[in-house]
Each structure stands twice: as C-alpha cells, then as structure tokens.
Amino acid sequence: MEACESYAKQSWRNRCRILTANGPQDFVIPIIHDGVGGKKSVREVRVEYATPWVAKFRRAVESAYGNSPYYIYYSDEFWRIFEGKPEKLWDLNAKVTEFLCAKIGIAPEIVPTREFGAEGKCWDLREVIHPKRENNVMAEMGVGRPYWQVFREKFGFVGGLSVLDLLFNEGPESLGYLR
C-alpha cells in the first residue's frame, strides 16, 4: 500500500460512498489541516474528532443498512474501530481495511511502501480510482455485476459504493461476489 505519497485532497483516502434512501451519499472524514504550506505525507494526516462526524456517519450507515441482512452481525465490531478514535487517518483506514478483509474472508499481505512508487509488479491504481472521475476498474476486473441492495426497488443496482454495502448486504457471500 502506498505509504509515502503526499495526502491528496478530495480522494477516497478520507471518504466513502454508501447507498441511502435518498441515493448514493459520500461521507467525508474531516482531517486536521495543521502546518504551513507544503504537502503532508499520507501517514501524517490526523483525523479531526472535535465535530460530531462519527455520530452523523453512524446514523447514516444505520439508516442505510440497518435493515440489510448482515448489518447486525458486523456493526458492533465496525463501530468499535471509530470509538477507538485512531489519531491518524492512515491508522483508521488500516483498521477499517483489516476489518473488511477479515469479514469478507480474504487475507491479503498489505505491505506499506518504503519509498514513493510501486514496488514490484502490481496494478497501480493510485490515480485511476478517484471519487471525482468515472472509472471502469470493477468492470475490467469482472466484479461489477449486481448483488442484492436494500434500496434496489428504488434505484436499481448502484455500483461504485463502499465495500460496506457489499458486506452488509451479502455477508459471508461477499467473497463469492468478488471471485
């Protein structure tokens, strides 16, 4: 995982998209903008907890996924991550990633880079997947097919959402969807 890049504003590094009763909605984790000028390493960015964003995010997720088949099975452990208030965005993202991977049933070897740039042979998606640009990465990987979603009657299948949507709706079948 790229650990040496500069933090990029308006990226997925501090946001996620969920499907609410009003359609897809992005939630942004506020960060502390300290220091003067210059770029900050993605590992140095601190999460701002002075505003009640966690409570708002929780209400939105509960409203969106409270009736999904698997929310009740995963929600307590998921929210404990946020209750711990990790200081750094990097640490919060790592804990959420570890949780999601474990619950889906995958065990990737996630190794932070030691210098900027791809180490070894990998598919470099740093500039491809961005909330402000369309991408077809999921379709290219063959995992863009529909699955059951809470608001499917209202919106049809909505792609491009957080993996939370897949986990809360498909539970242990999430891995089969990704294969």
Protein backbone atom coordinates (compact mmCIF):
# COMPACT_ATOMS: atom_id res chain seq x y z
CA MET A 1 0.00 0.00 0.00
CA GLU A 2 1.36 3.41 -0.92
CA ALA A 3 2.58 4.93 2.35
CA CYS A 4 4.95 7.56 1.00
CA GLU A 5 2.68 9.65 -1.19
CA SER A 6 1.52 13.14 -0.30
CA TYR A 7 -2.02 13.33 1.00
CA ALA A 8 -4.41 14.07 -1.87
CA LYS A 9 -7.46 16.20 -1.14
CA GLN A 10 -10.87 15.11 -2.41
CA SER A 11 -9.81 11.48 -2.72
CA TRP A 12 -11.04 8.17 -1.30
CA ARG A 13 -8.39 8.41 1.43
CA ASN A 14 -10.88 10.12 3.74
CA ARG A 15 -14.29 9.34 2.28
CA CYS A 16 -16.68 6.57 1.39
CA ARG A 17 -19.92 6.28 -0.58
CA ILE A 18 -22.96 4.46 0.78
CA LEU A 19 -26.46 3.95 -0.61
CA THR A 20 -29.08 5.79 1.43
CA ALA A 21 -32.84 6.17 0.99
CA ASN A 22 -32.01 9.36 -0.95
CA GLY A 23 -29.46 7.68 -3.22
CA PRO A 24 -25.69 7.43 -3.09
CA GLN A 25 -24.12 9.67 -0.48
CA ASP A 26 -20.47 10.46 0.22
CA PHE A 27 -19.22 10.84 3.77
CA VAL A 28 -16.00 12.65 4.45
CA ILE A 29 -13.77 12.06 7.45
CA PRO A 30 -12.61 15.53 8.48
CA ILE A 31 -8.89 15.96 8.88
CA ILE A 32 -6.80 18.47 10.79
CA HIS A 33 -5.18 21.00 8.49
CA ASP A 34 -2.13 21.93 10.52
CA GLY A 35 1.25 23.17 9.47
CA VAL A 36 2.02 25.77 6.88
CA GLY A 37 2.34 25.08 3.19
CA GLY A 38 3.89 22.03 1.66
CA LYS A 39 2.47 18.58 1.16
CA LYS A 40 1.85 16.26 4.06
CA SER A 41 2.61 12.55 3.91
CA VAL A 42 -0.47 10.36 3.87
CA ARG A 43 0.80 8.76 7.10
CA GLU A 44 0.94 12.11 8.93
CA VAL A 45 -2.64 13.28 8.34
CA ARG A 46 -4.61 13.47 11.59
CA VAL A 47 -8.33 12.83 11.98
CA GLU A 48 -10.42 15.65 13.46
CA TYR A 49 -12.81 14.44 16.16
CA ALA A 50 -13.97 17.85 17.51
CA THR A 51 -17.07 17.77 15.30
CA PRO A 52 -19.69 15.00 15.67
CA TRP A 53 -18.97 13.43 12.27
CA VAL A 54 -18.75 9.89 13.70
CA ALA A 55 -22.27 10.15 15.15
CA LYS A 56 -23.60 11.53 11.85
CA PHE A 57 -21.84 8.84 9.88
CA ARG A 58 -23.19 6.17 12.22
CA ARG A 59 -26.77 7.45 11.90
CA ALA A 60 -26.44 7.47 8.11
CA VAL A 61 -24.98 3.95 7.97
CA GLU A 62 -27.60 2.62 10.39
CA SER A 63 -30.37 4.25 8.37
CA ALA A 64 -28.94 2.89 5.12
CA TYR A 65 -28.02 -0.61 6.27
CA GLY A 66 -29.97 -1.24 9.48
CA ASN A 67 -32.42 -3.40 7.52
CA SER A 68 -29.77 -5.17 5.47
CA PRO A 69 -29.39 -8.89 6.15
CA TYR A 70 -25.94 -8.71 7.78
CA TYR A 71 -25.60 -5.31 9.40
CA ILE A 72 -26.41 -6.66 12.86
CA TYR A 73 -23.64 -9.27 12.58
CA TYR A 74 -20.87 -6.81 11.77
CA SER A 75 -21.92 -3.43 13.15
CA ASP A 76 -20.64 -3.66 16.74
CA GLU A 77 -17.12 -4.56 15.70
CA PHE A 78 -17.16 -1.99 12.89
CA TRP A 79 -18.18 0.86 15.21
CA ARG A 80 -15.58 -0.11 17.83
CA ILE A 81 -12.95 0.98 15.31
CA PHE A 82 -14.38 4.52 15.32
CA GLU A 83 -14.94 4.54 19.08
CA GLY A 84 -11.18 3.98 19.45
CA LYS A 85 -10.61 7.32 17.66
CA PRO A 86 -7.38 6.48 15.84
CA GLU A 87 -5.35 9.69 15.67
CA LYS A 88 -4.01 9.22 12.14
CA LEU A 89 -6.11 8.74 9.03
CA TRP A 90 -3.63 6.06 7.91
CA ASP A 91 -4.32 4.06 11.10
CA LEU A 92 -8.10 4.46 10.82
CA ASN A 93 -8.01 3.31 7.20
CA ALA A 94 -5.77 0.37 8.09
CA LYS A 95 -8.14 -0.79 10.85
CA VAL A 96 -11.18 -0.49 8.58
CA THR A 97 -9.35 -2.33 5.78
CA GLU A 98 -8.30 -5.13 8.16
CA PHE A 99 -11.88 -5.44 9.45
CA LEU A 100 -13.39 -5.57 5.96
CA CYS A 101 -10.86 -8.07 4.65
CA ALA A 102 -11.31 -10.33 7.67
CA LYS A 103 -15.11 -10.28 7.45
CA ILE A 104 -15.12 -10.90 3.71
CA GLY A 105 -12.68 -13.75 4.19
CA ILE A 106 -9.58 -12.54 2.43
CA ALA A 107 -6.13 -12.25 3.93
CA PRO A 108 -4.06 -10.01 1.69
CA GLU A 109 -0.49 -9.23 2.59
CA ILE A 110 -0.65 -5.46 2.94
CA VAL A 111 2.83 -4.02 3.00
CA PRO A 112 3.37 -0.25 3.20
CA THR A 113 5.82 1.08 0.64
CA ARG A 114 9.17 2.36 1.88
CA GLU A 115 9.54 4.92 -0.89
CA PHE A 116 7.14 6.59 -3.28
CA GLY A 117 6.25 4.44 -6.26
CA ALA A 118 5.13 0.92 -6.96
CA GLU A 119 7.46 -1.72 -5.55
CA GLY A 120 7.43 -4.91 -7.55
CA LYS A 121 4.81 -5.80 -10.07
CA CYS A 122 1.36 -4.54 -9.22
CA TRP A 123 -1.60 -2.83 -10.78
CA ASP A 124 -1.06 0.83 -9.94
CA LEU A 125 -4.50 2.37 -9.24
CA ARG A 126 -3.38 5.43 -7.30
CA GLU A 127 -4.53 7.85 -9.98
CA VAL A 128 -7.27 5.71 -11.53
CA ILE A 129 -9.78 5.35 -8.71
CA HIS A 130 -10.99 8.81 -7.70
CA PRO A 131 -14.38 10.00 -6.42
CA LYS A 132 -14.47 12.88 -8.90
CA ARG A 133 -13.80 10.74 -12.00
CA GLU A 134 -15.59 7.83 -13.61
CA ASN A 135 -13.66 4.58 -13.83
CA ASN A 136 -14.33 1.11 -15.16
CA VAL A 137 -11.93 -0.78 -12.91
CA MET A 138 -14.63 -3.00 -11.41
CA ALA A 139 -15.96 -3.97 -14.84
CA GLU A 140 -12.42 -4.72 -16.05
CA MET A 141 -11.91 -6.97 -13.03
CA GLY A 142 -15.25 -8.69 -13.68
CA VAL A 143 -16.77 -7.76 -10.32
CA GLY A 144 -19.21 -5.06 -11.38
CA ARG A 145 -22.24 -7.34 -11.50
CA PRO A 146 -25.31 -6.63 -9.36
CA TYR A 147 -25.96 -8.07 -5.93
CA TRP A 148 -28.85 -7.55 -3.53
CA GLN A 149 -29.09 -3.99 -2.11
CA VAL A 150 -31.55 -2.56 0.42
CA PHE A 151 -32.85 0.18 -1.89
CA ARG A 152 -32.81 -1.86 -5.11
CA GLU A 153 -36.53 -1.26 -5.83
CA LYS A 154 -35.99 2.48 -5.68
CA PHE A 155 -32.67 2.84 -7.52
CA GLY A 156 -31.91 -0.49 -9.19
CA PHE A 157 -28.38 -1.72 -8.64
CA VAL A 158 -25.98 1.08 -7.71
CA GLY A 159 -22.29 0.40 -8.26
CA GLY A 160 -19.27 2.35 -7.06
CA LEU A 161 -20.18 2.10 -3.38
CA SER A 162 -18.06 1.30 -0.35
CA VAL A 163 -17.37 -2.37 0.25
CA LEU A 164 -19.52 -1.84 3.37
CA ASP A 165 -22.51 -2.06 1.02
CA LEU A 166 -21.40 -5.48 -0.21
CA LEU A 167 -20.58 -6.77 3.29
CA PHE A 168 -23.80 -5.60 4.95
CA ASN A 169 -25.96 -6.90 2.07
CA GLU A 170 -24.16 -10.13 1.15
CA GLY A 171 -22.32 -11.05 4.37
CA PRO A 172 -20.39 -14.31 4.00
CA GLU A 173 -21.31 -14.44 0.30
CA SER A 174 -19.22 -11.30 -0.34
CA LEU A 175 -16.16 -13.34 -1.22
CA GLY A 176 -18.10 -15.28 -3.82
CA TYR A 177 -19.15 -12.00 -5.41
CA LEU A 178 -15.54 -10.84 -5.64
CA ARG A 179 -14.33 -14.08 -7.25
